[in-house]
Amino acid sequence: MILKVLITIIGCTLLTAGCWGSRPSSPGVEKGKFKKCPDTPNCVSSQEDGSHFIEPIKYSGTLEDAQRALLDILRNMKRTEVTTSEEKYIHAESTSLLFRFVDDVEFYLDDSAKLIHVRSASRVGHSDFGVNRKRVEEIRENFKTMQGAGTP
């Protein structure tokens, strides 16, 4: 009986843990740069070095077409909501299925270099088990497919 109660308490705690994180007070870019990743391994960024680094997404064509294609990809991703879409900047929130953890996914479009810089970070916890990196790589592949099909 005690074991069942303990399992229930732990389960409820884990299920509500995703609610503990709040939207960052200062998402976005400043002078073309994202906020630095924390020391924890639950963040990737194309503007970081070392274990946090992930390649930016390359694009051809116009900035507007690249941004439109990126927005289409994000809007078609499960449990992902675009919260900000400005010229050269997009912020989305991606929520995990089971525990409802929220990750912040940011994009900065550098038209002079034809690059989409990206930062994806968990709001809570220490490790994300590679979820942020995997998400960015999925977005990259979808973007490449769209570019190859001549969409952007």
N, C-alpha and C. Protein backbone atom coordinates (compact mmCIF):
# COMPACT_ATOMS: atom_id res chain seq x y z
N MET A 1 0.82 -1.19 0.00
CA MET A 1 0.00 0.00 0.00
C MET A 1 0.86 1.26 0.00
N ILE A 2 1.87 1.27 0.87
CA ILE A 2 2.76 2.43 0.94
C ILE A 2 3.49 2.61 -0.38
N LEU A 3 3.88 1.52 -1.01
CA LEU A 3 4.57 1.59 -2.30
C LEU A 3 3.68 2.23 -3.36
N LYS A 4 2.40 1.87 -3.38
CA LYS A 4 1.45 2.45 -4.35
C LYS A 4 1.30 3.95 -4.12
N VAL A 5 1.22 4.37 -2.87
CA VAL A 5 1.09 5.79 -2.56
C VAL A 5 2.36 6.53 -2.99
N LEU A 6 3.51 5.95 -2.70
CA LEU A 6 4.78 6.56 -3.08
C LEU A 6 4.89 6.68 -4.60
N ILE A 7 4.53 5.65 -5.32
CA ILE A 7 4.57 5.68 -6.79
C ILE A 7 3.61 6.74 -7.32
N THR A 8 2.43 6.85 -6.73
CA THR A 8 1.46 7.86 -7.15
C THR A 8 2.00 9.26 -6.93
N ILE A 9 2.60 9.51 -5.79
CA ILE A 9 3.16 10.83 -5.49
C ILE A 9 4.28 11.16 -6.47
N ILE A 10 5.17 10.22 -6.70
CA ILE A 10 6.28 10.45 -7.64
C ILE A 10 5.73 10.69 -9.05
N GLY A 11 4.77 9.90 -9.45
CA GLY A 11 4.17 10.06 -10.78
C GLY A 11 3.52 11.42 -10.95
N CYS A 12 2.75 11.86 -9.95
CA CYS A 12 2.11 13.17 -10.02
C CYS A 12 3.14 14.29 -10.05
N THR A 13 4.20 14.13 -9.29
CA THR A 13 5.26 15.13 -9.29
C THR A 13 5.90 15.25 -10.67
N LEU A 14 6.20 14.12 -11.28
CA LEU A 14 6.80 14.14 -12.61
C LEU A 14 5.86 14.70 -13.65
N LEU A 15 4.59 14.39 -13.56
CA LEU A 15 3.62 14.88 -14.53
C LEU A 15 3.43 16.39 -14.45
N THR A 16 3.56 16.94 -13.27
CA THR A 16 3.39 18.39 -13.12
C THR A 16 4.70 19.14 -13.24
N ALA A 17 5.81 18.44 -13.34
CA ALA A 17 7.11 19.10 -13.38
C ALA A 17 7.24 20.04 -14.57
N GLY A 18 6.59 19.72 -15.68
CA GLY A 18 6.66 20.58 -16.85
C GLY A 18 6.06 21.94 -16.61
N CYS A 19 5.21 22.05 -15.62
CA CYS A 19 4.58 23.33 -15.30
C CYS A 19 5.53 24.25 -14.53
N TRP A 20 6.61 23.73 -13.97
CA TRP A 20 7.51 24.51 -13.15
C TRP A 20 8.31 25.52 -13.95
N GLY A 21 8.63 25.21 -15.18
CA GLY A 21 9.43 26.13 -15.98
C GLY A 21 8.56 27.24 -16.52
N SER A 22 9.12 28.42 -16.61
CA SER A 22 8.36 29.54 -17.17
C SER A 22 9.12 30.09 -18.36
N ARG A 23 8.40 30.83 -19.18
CA ARG A 23 8.99 31.41 -20.37
C ARG A 23 10.17 32.29 -19.95
N PRO A 24 11.28 32.21 -20.67
CA PRO A 24 12.44 33.04 -20.32
C PRO A 24 12.05 34.53 -20.31
N SER A 25 12.64 35.26 -19.38
CA SER A 25 12.31 36.68 -19.28
C SER A 25 12.88 37.48 -20.45
N SER A 26 13.91 36.94 -21.09
CA SER A 26 14.51 37.69 -22.19
C SER A 26 14.87 36.80 -23.37
N PRO A 27 13.85 36.18 -23.99
CA PRO A 27 14.20 35.44 -25.21
C PRO A 27 14.54 36.43 -26.32
N GLY A 28 15.09 35.95 -27.36
CA GLY A 28 15.39 36.82 -28.48
C GLY A 28 16.87 36.96 -28.71
N VAL A 29 17.19 37.87 -29.59
CA VAL A 29 18.58 38.13 -29.92
C VAL A 29 18.92 39.57 -29.57
N GLU A 30 20.15 39.74 -29.20
CA GLU A 30 20.65 41.08 -28.94
C GLU A 30 21.93 41.24 -29.75
N LYS A 31 21.93 42.19 -30.65
CA LYS A 31 23.07 42.42 -31.54
C LYS A 31 23.42 41.16 -32.32
N GLY A 32 22.39 40.43 -32.76
CA GLY A 32 22.60 39.24 -33.57
C GLY A 32 23.00 38.00 -32.80
N LYS A 33 22.95 38.04 -31.47
CA LYS A 33 23.39 36.91 -30.65
C LYS A 33 22.27 36.44 -29.71
N PHE A 34 22.18 35.12 -29.57
CA PHE A 34 21.27 34.53 -28.59
C PHE A 34 21.87 34.62 -27.19
N LYS A 35 21.02 34.44 -26.21
CA LYS A 35 21.46 34.27 -24.83
C LYS A 35 22.35 33.01 -24.78
N LYS A 36 23.38 33.04 -23.95
CA LYS A 36 24.28 31.89 -23.83
C LYS A 36 23.54 30.69 -23.25
N CYS A 37 23.97 29.50 -23.67
CA CYS A 37 23.42 28.27 -23.09
C CYS A 37 23.91 28.14 -21.65
N PRO A 38 23.09 27.52 -20.79
CA PRO A 38 23.57 27.26 -19.42
C PRO A 38 24.66 26.19 -19.44
N ASP A 39 25.27 25.93 -18.31
CA ASP A 39 26.32 24.92 -18.22
C ASP A 39 25.78 23.50 -18.35
N THR A 40 24.48 23.33 -18.25
CA THR A 40 23.86 22.01 -18.33
C THR A 40 23.79 21.53 -19.79
N PRO A 41 23.72 20.22 -20.01
CA PRO A 41 23.72 19.68 -21.38
C PRO A 41 22.33 19.65 -22.04
N ASN A 42 21.43 20.56 -21.67
CA ASN A 42 20.08 20.54 -22.23
C ASN A 42 19.83 21.74 -23.15
N CYS A 43 20.86 22.14 -23.86
CA CYS A 43 20.76 23.30 -24.75
C CYS A 43 21.72 23.11 -25.92
N VAL A 44 21.26 23.50 -27.12
CA VAL A 44 22.14 23.55 -28.29
C VAL A 44 21.98 24.92 -28.93
N SER A 45 23.06 25.39 -29.55
CA SER A 45 23.02 26.69 -30.21
C SER A 45 24.07 26.73 -31.31
N SER A 46 23.70 27.36 -32.40
CA SER A 46 24.64 27.51 -33.51
C SER A 46 25.64 28.64 -33.23
N GLN A 47 25.45 29.34 -32.13
CA GLN A 47 26.36 30.42 -31.77
C GLN A 47 27.22 30.08 -30.56
N GLU A 48 27.33 28.79 -30.25
CA GLU A 48 28.12 28.33 -29.11
C GLU A 48 29.27 27.46 -29.61
N ASP A 49 30.19 27.21 -28.72
CA ASP A 49 31.29 26.28 -28.98
C ASP A 49 31.08 25.02 -28.18
N GLY A 50 31.90 24.02 -28.43
CA GLY A 50 31.92 22.82 -27.62
C GLY A 50 30.67 21.97 -27.76
N SER A 51 30.28 21.37 -26.65
CA SER A 51 29.18 20.40 -26.68
C SER A 51 27.82 21.02 -26.99
N HIS A 52 27.68 22.32 -26.83
CA HIS A 52 26.41 22.98 -27.13
C HIS A 52 26.26 23.31 -28.62
N PHE A 53 27.36 23.26 -29.37
CA PHE A 53 27.33 23.70 -30.77
C PHE A 53 26.49 22.78 -31.65
N ILE A 54 25.72 23.42 -32.52
CA ILE A 54 25.01 22.72 -33.59
C ILE A 54 25.09 23.62 -34.82
N GLU A 55 25.22 23.02 -35.99
CA GLU A 55 25.35 23.80 -37.22
C GLU A 55 24.12 24.66 -37.46
N PRO A 56 24.32 25.88 -37.97
CA PRO A 56 23.15 26.67 -38.37
C PRO A 56 22.53 26.04 -39.62
N ILE A 57 21.35 26.46 -39.95
CA ILE A 57 20.64 25.94 -41.13
C ILE A 57 20.92 26.89 -42.29
N LYS A 58 21.40 26.35 -43.40
CA LYS A 58 21.69 27.15 -44.59
C LYS A 58 20.44 27.30 -45.43
N TYR A 59 20.31 28.44 -46.07
CA TYR A 59 19.18 28.62 -46.99
C TYR A 59 19.61 29.39 -48.22
N SER A 60 18.82 29.26 -49.26
CA SER A 60 19.01 30.04 -50.48
C SER A 60 17.70 30.78 -50.73
N GLY A 61 17.73 31.74 -51.61
CA GLY A 61 16.51 32.51 -51.87
C GLY A 61 16.41 33.68 -50.91
N THR A 62 15.20 34.18 -50.80
CA THR A 62 14.99 35.37 -49.99
C THR A 62 14.79 35.04 -48.51
N LEU A 63 15.05 36.02 -47.69
CA LEU A 63 14.83 35.89 -46.26
C LEU A 63 13.35 35.59 -45.98
N GLU A 64 12.47 36.27 -46.69
CA GLU A 64 11.03 36.08 -46.49
C GLU A 64 10.60 34.65 -46.80
N ASP A 65 11.13 34.08 -47.88
CA ASP A 65 10.79 32.70 -48.24
C ASP A 65 11.34 31.71 -47.21
N ALA A 66 12.56 31.97 -46.74
CA ALA A 66 13.15 31.08 -45.73
C ALA A 66 12.35 31.15 -44.43
N GLN A 67 11.95 32.35 -44.04
CA GLN A 67 11.18 32.49 -42.81
C GLN A 67 9.80 31.84 -42.95
N ARG A 68 9.19 32.00 -44.09
CA ARG A 68 7.88 31.38 -44.34
C ARG A 68 7.98 29.85 -44.28
N ALA A 69 9.03 29.29 -44.89
CA ALA A 69 9.22 27.84 -44.87
C ALA A 69 9.46 27.34 -43.45
N LEU A 70 10.27 28.07 -42.70
CA LEU A 70 10.55 27.69 -41.32
C LEU A 70 9.27 27.73 -40.47
N LEU A 71 8.47 28.75 -40.66
CA LEU A 71 7.19 28.85 -39.93
C LEU A 71 6.26 27.69 -40.29
N ASP A 72 6.22 27.33 -41.57
CA ASP A 72 5.40 26.19 -41.99
C ASP A 72 5.84 24.90 -41.30
N ILE A 73 7.14 24.69 -41.22
CA ILE A 73 7.67 23.50 -40.57
C ILE A 73 7.28 23.48 -39.10
N LEU A 74 7.49 24.60 -38.42
CA LEU A 74 7.18 24.68 -36.99
C LEU A 74 5.70 24.48 -36.72
N ARG A 75 4.86 25.06 -37.54
CA ARG A 75 3.41 24.95 -37.33
C ARG A 75 2.89 23.54 -37.59
N ASN A 76 3.66 22.75 -38.31
CA ASN A 76 3.27 21.37 -38.57
C ASN A 76 3.90 20.36 -37.61
N MET A 77 4.71 20.84 -36.69
CA MET A 77 5.32 19.96 -35.70
C MET A 77 4.35 19.75 -34.54
N LYS A 78 4.23 18.52 -34.10
CA LYS A 78 3.34 18.21 -32.98
C LYS A 78 3.81 18.92 -31.72
N ARG A 79 2.85 19.41 -30.96
CA ARG A 79 3.08 20.03 -29.66
C ARG A 79 4.05 21.20 -29.72
N THR A 80 4.08 21.90 -30.84
CA THR A 80 4.94 23.07 -31.00
C THR A 80 4.08 24.26 -31.37
N GLU A 81 4.29 25.37 -30.66
CA GLU A 81 3.52 26.58 -30.89
C GLU A 81 4.47 27.75 -31.14
N VAL A 82 4.26 28.44 -32.24
CA VAL A 82 5.05 29.64 -32.52
C VAL A 82 4.48 30.76 -31.65
N THR A 83 5.33 31.36 -30.83
CA THR A 83 4.87 32.42 -29.93
C THR A 83 5.28 33.81 -30.41
N THR A 84 6.36 33.88 -31.19
CA THR A 84 6.83 35.16 -31.71
C THR A 84 7.34 34.96 -33.13
N SER A 85 6.90 35.82 -34.02
CA SER A 85 7.41 35.80 -35.39
C SER A 85 7.62 37.25 -35.82
N GLU A 86 8.87 37.64 -35.85
CA GLU A 86 9.25 38.99 -36.24
C GLU A 86 10.21 38.90 -37.41
N GLU A 87 10.51 40.05 -38.01
CA GLU A 87 11.49 40.04 -39.08
C GLU A 87 12.82 39.51 -38.54
N LYS A 88 13.31 38.45 -39.10
CA LYS A 88 14.58 37.81 -38.78
C LYS A 88 14.57 36.99 -37.49
N TYR A 89 13.46 36.91 -36.76
CA TYR A 89 13.45 36.18 -35.48
C TYR A 89 12.15 35.41 -35.30
N ILE A 90 12.29 34.16 -34.83
CA ILE A 90 11.13 33.31 -34.51
C ILE A 90 11.40 32.64 -33.16
N HIS A 91 10.38 32.60 -32.32
CA HIS A 91 10.45 31.86 -31.06
C HIS A 91 9.28 30.89 -31.03
N ALA A 92 9.56 29.64 -30.67
CA ALA A 92 8.51 28.62 -30.54
C ALA A 92 8.70 27.88 -29.23
N GLU A 93 7.60 27.30 -28.75
CA GLU A 93 7.64 26.47 -27.56
C GLU A 93 7.24 25.06 -27.96
N SER A 94 8.06 24.10 -27.58
CA SER A 94 7.80 22.71 -27.89
C SER A 94 7.58 21.96 -26.58
N THR A 95 6.45 21.27 -26.46
CA THR A 95 6.06 20.61 -25.22
C THR A 95 6.17 19.10 -25.38
N SER A 96 6.82 18.44 -24.41
CA SER A 96 6.96 16.99 -24.48
C SER A 96 5.62 16.32 -24.21
N LEU A 97 5.44 15.16 -24.78
CA LEU A 97 4.17 14.45 -24.70
C LEU A 97 3.85 13.97 -23.29
N LEU A 98 4.77 13.30 -22.68
CA LEU A 98 4.46 12.64 -21.41
C LEU A 98 4.50 13.57 -20.21
N PHE A 99 5.62 14.24 -20.01
CA PHE A 99 5.77 15.04 -18.79
C PHE A 99 5.44 16.52 -18.98
N ARG A 100 5.14 16.93 -20.22
CA ARG A 100 4.74 18.30 -20.52
C ARG A 100 5.84 19.33 -20.26
N PHE A 101 7.11 18.89 -20.42
CA PHE A 101 8.22 19.81 -20.31
C PHE A 101 8.21 20.74 -21.52
N VAL A 102 8.55 22.00 -21.33
CA VAL A 102 8.56 22.97 -22.41
C VAL A 102 9.99 23.34 -22.74
N ASP A 103 10.30 23.29 -24.02
CA ASP A 103 11.60 23.74 -24.53
C ASP A 103 11.37 24.99 -25.36
N ASP A 104 12.30 25.92 -25.28
CA ASP A 104 12.26 27.14 -26.09
C ASP A 104 13.15 26.94 -27.30
N VAL A 105 12.58 27.19 -28.49
CA VAL A 105 13.31 27.03 -29.74
C VAL A 105 13.33 28.39 -30.43
N GLU A 106 14.52 28.91 -30.69
CA GLU A 106 14.66 30.24 -31.27
C GLU A 106 15.45 30.18 -32.58
N PHE A 107 15.08 31.07 -33.49
CA PHE A 107 15.74 31.16 -34.78
C PHE A 107 16.04 32.61 -35.10
N TYR A 108 17.24 32.85 -35.61
CA TYR A 108 17.65 34.18 -36.05
C TYR A 108 18.14 34.04 -37.48
N LEU A 109 17.49 34.73 -38.41
CA LEU A 109 17.84 34.63 -39.82
C LEU A 109 18.83 35.72 -40.18
N ASP A 110 20.02 35.29 -40.58
CA ASP A 110 21.11 36.19 -40.99
C ASP A 110 21.14 36.17 -42.51
N ASP A 111 20.47 37.14 -43.11
CA ASP A 111 20.33 37.13 -44.57
C ASP A 111 21.64 37.36 -45.29
N SER A 112 22.56 38.13 -44.71
CA SER A 112 23.83 38.40 -45.39
C SER A 112 24.66 37.12 -45.52
N ALA A 113 24.54 36.19 -44.56
CA ALA A 113 25.27 34.92 -44.62
C ALA A 113 24.40 33.78 -45.12
N LYS A 114 23.10 34.04 -45.33
CA LYS A 114 22.13 33.00 -45.74
C LYS A 114 22.13 31.84 -44.75
N LEU A 115 22.11 32.20 -43.45
CA LEU A 115 22.10 31.21 -42.37
C LEU A 115 20.93 31.48 -41.42
N ILE A 116 20.38 30.40 -40.90
CA ILE A 116 19.39 30.49 -39.84
C ILE A 116 20.09 29.97 -38.58
N HIS A 117 20.41 30.89 -37.68
CA HIS A 117 21.00 30.47 -36.41
C HIS A 117 19.87 29.94 -35.53
N VAL A 118 20.20 28.95 -34.72
CA VAL A 118 19.18 28.28 -33.93
C VAL A 118 19.68 28.06 -32.50
N ARG A 119 18.75 28.16 -31.56
CA ARG A 119 19.01 27.84 -30.16
C ARG A 119 17.80 27.08 -29.64
N SER A 120 18.02 25.92 -29.07
CA SER A 120 16.93 25.12 -28.50
C SER A 120 17.35 24.69 -27.11
N ALA A 121 16.53 25.05 -26.11
CA ALA A 121 16.92 24.81 -24.72
C ALA A 121 15.74 24.39 -23.87
N SER A 122 15.99 23.47 -22.96
CA SER A 122 14.99 23.04 -21.99
C SER A 122 14.86 24.11 -20.91
N ARG A 123 13.66 24.29 -20.41
CA ARG A 123 13.45 25.25 -19.33
C ARG A 123 13.83 24.70 -17.98
N VAL A 124 13.67 23.40 -17.79
CA VAL A 124 13.96 22.79 -16.49
C VAL A 124 14.82 21.54 -16.69
N GLY A 125 15.41 21.10 -15.60
CA GLY A 125 16.17 19.86 -15.64
C GLY A 125 17.62 20.06 -15.99
N HIS A 126 18.34 18.98 -15.95
CA HIS A 126 19.77 19.00 -16.24
C HIS A 126 20.05 18.47 -17.65
N SER A 127 19.56 17.27 -17.93
CA SER A 127 19.78 16.66 -19.24
C SER A 127 18.47 16.57 -19.99
N ASP A 128 18.55 16.64 -21.29
CA ASP A 128 17.35 16.49 -22.12
C ASP A 128 17.43 15.22 -22.96
N PHE A 129 18.45 14.38 -22.71
CA PHE A 129 18.66 13.12 -23.43
C PHE A 129 18.74 13.34 -24.95
N GLY A 130 19.27 14.50 -25.35
CA GLY A 130 19.47 14.79 -26.77
C GLY A 130 18.25 15.27 -27.52
N VAL A 131 17.17 15.58 -26.81
CA VAL A 131 15.91 15.96 -27.47
C VAL A 131 16.06 17.26 -28.26
N ASN A 132 16.73 18.27 -27.69
CA ASN A 132 16.87 19.54 -28.39
C ASN A 132 17.69 19.40 -29.66
N ARG A 133 18.78 18.65 -29.59
CA ARG A 133 19.61 18.42 -30.79
C ARG A 133 18.81 17.68 -31.86
N LYS A 134 18.09 16.64 -31.44
CA LYS A 134 17.29 15.86 -32.38
C LYS A 134 16.22 16.73 -33.04
N ARG A 135 15.59 17.60 -32.28
CA ARG A 135 14.56 18.48 -32.82
C ARG A 135 15.14 19.40 -33.90
N VAL A 136 16.29 20.00 -33.61
CA VAL A 136 16.91 20.90 -34.58
C VAL A 136 17.29 20.14 -35.85
N GLU A 137 17.81 18.93 -35.70
CA GLU A 137 18.19 18.15 -36.88
C GLU A 137 16.95 17.77 -37.70
N GLU A 138 15.83 17.50 -37.04
CA GLU A 138 14.57 17.22 -37.76
C GLU A 138 14.11 18.45 -38.53
N ILE A 139 14.21 19.62 -37.90
CA ILE A 139 13.84 20.87 -38.58
C ILE A 139 14.76 21.09 -39.77
N ARG A 140 16.06 20.85 -39.59
CA ARG A 140 17.03 21.02 -40.68
C ARG A 140 16.67 20.12 -41.87
N GLU A 141 16.38 18.85 -41.59
CA GLU A 141 16.03 17.91 -42.67
C GLU A 141 14.76 18.33 -43.39
N ASN A 142 13.76 18.76 -42.64
CA ASN A 142 12.52 19.23 -43.26
C ASN A 142 12.77 20.47 -44.10
N PHE A 143 13.64 21.35 -43.62
CA PHE A 143 13.96 22.56 -44.37
C PHE A 143 14.69 22.21 -45.66
N LYS A 144 15.66 21.28 -45.58
CA LYS A 144 16.38 20.84 -46.78
C LYS A 144 15.43 20.25 -47.80
N THR A 145 14.48 19.46 -47.33
CA THR A 145 13.49 18.85 -48.22
C THR A 145 12.67 19.92 -48.92
N MET A 146 12.26 20.93 -48.17
CA MET A 146 11.49 22.03 -48.76
C MET A 146 12.32 22.80 -49.77
N GLN A 147 13.59 23.06 -49.44
CA GLN A 147 14.47 23.78 -50.36
C GLN A 147 14.67 22.97 -51.64
N GLY A 148 14.86 21.65 -51.47
CA GLY A 148 15.04 20.78 -52.63
C GLY A 148 13.82 20.72 -53.53
N ALA A 149 12.65 20.89 -52.91
CA ALA A 149 11.40 20.86 -53.68
C ALA A 149 11.09 22.23 -54.27
N GLY A 150 11.95 23.22 -53.96
CA GLY A 150 11.75 24.55 -54.50
C GLY A 150 10.70 25.35 -53.76
N THR A 151 10.37 24.97 -52.54
CA THR A 151 9.34 25.68 -51.79
C THR A 151 9.79 27.07 -51.35
N PRO A 152 10.95 27.21 -50.63
CA PRO A 152 11.32 28.56 -50.22
C PRO A 152 11.84 29.38 -51.37
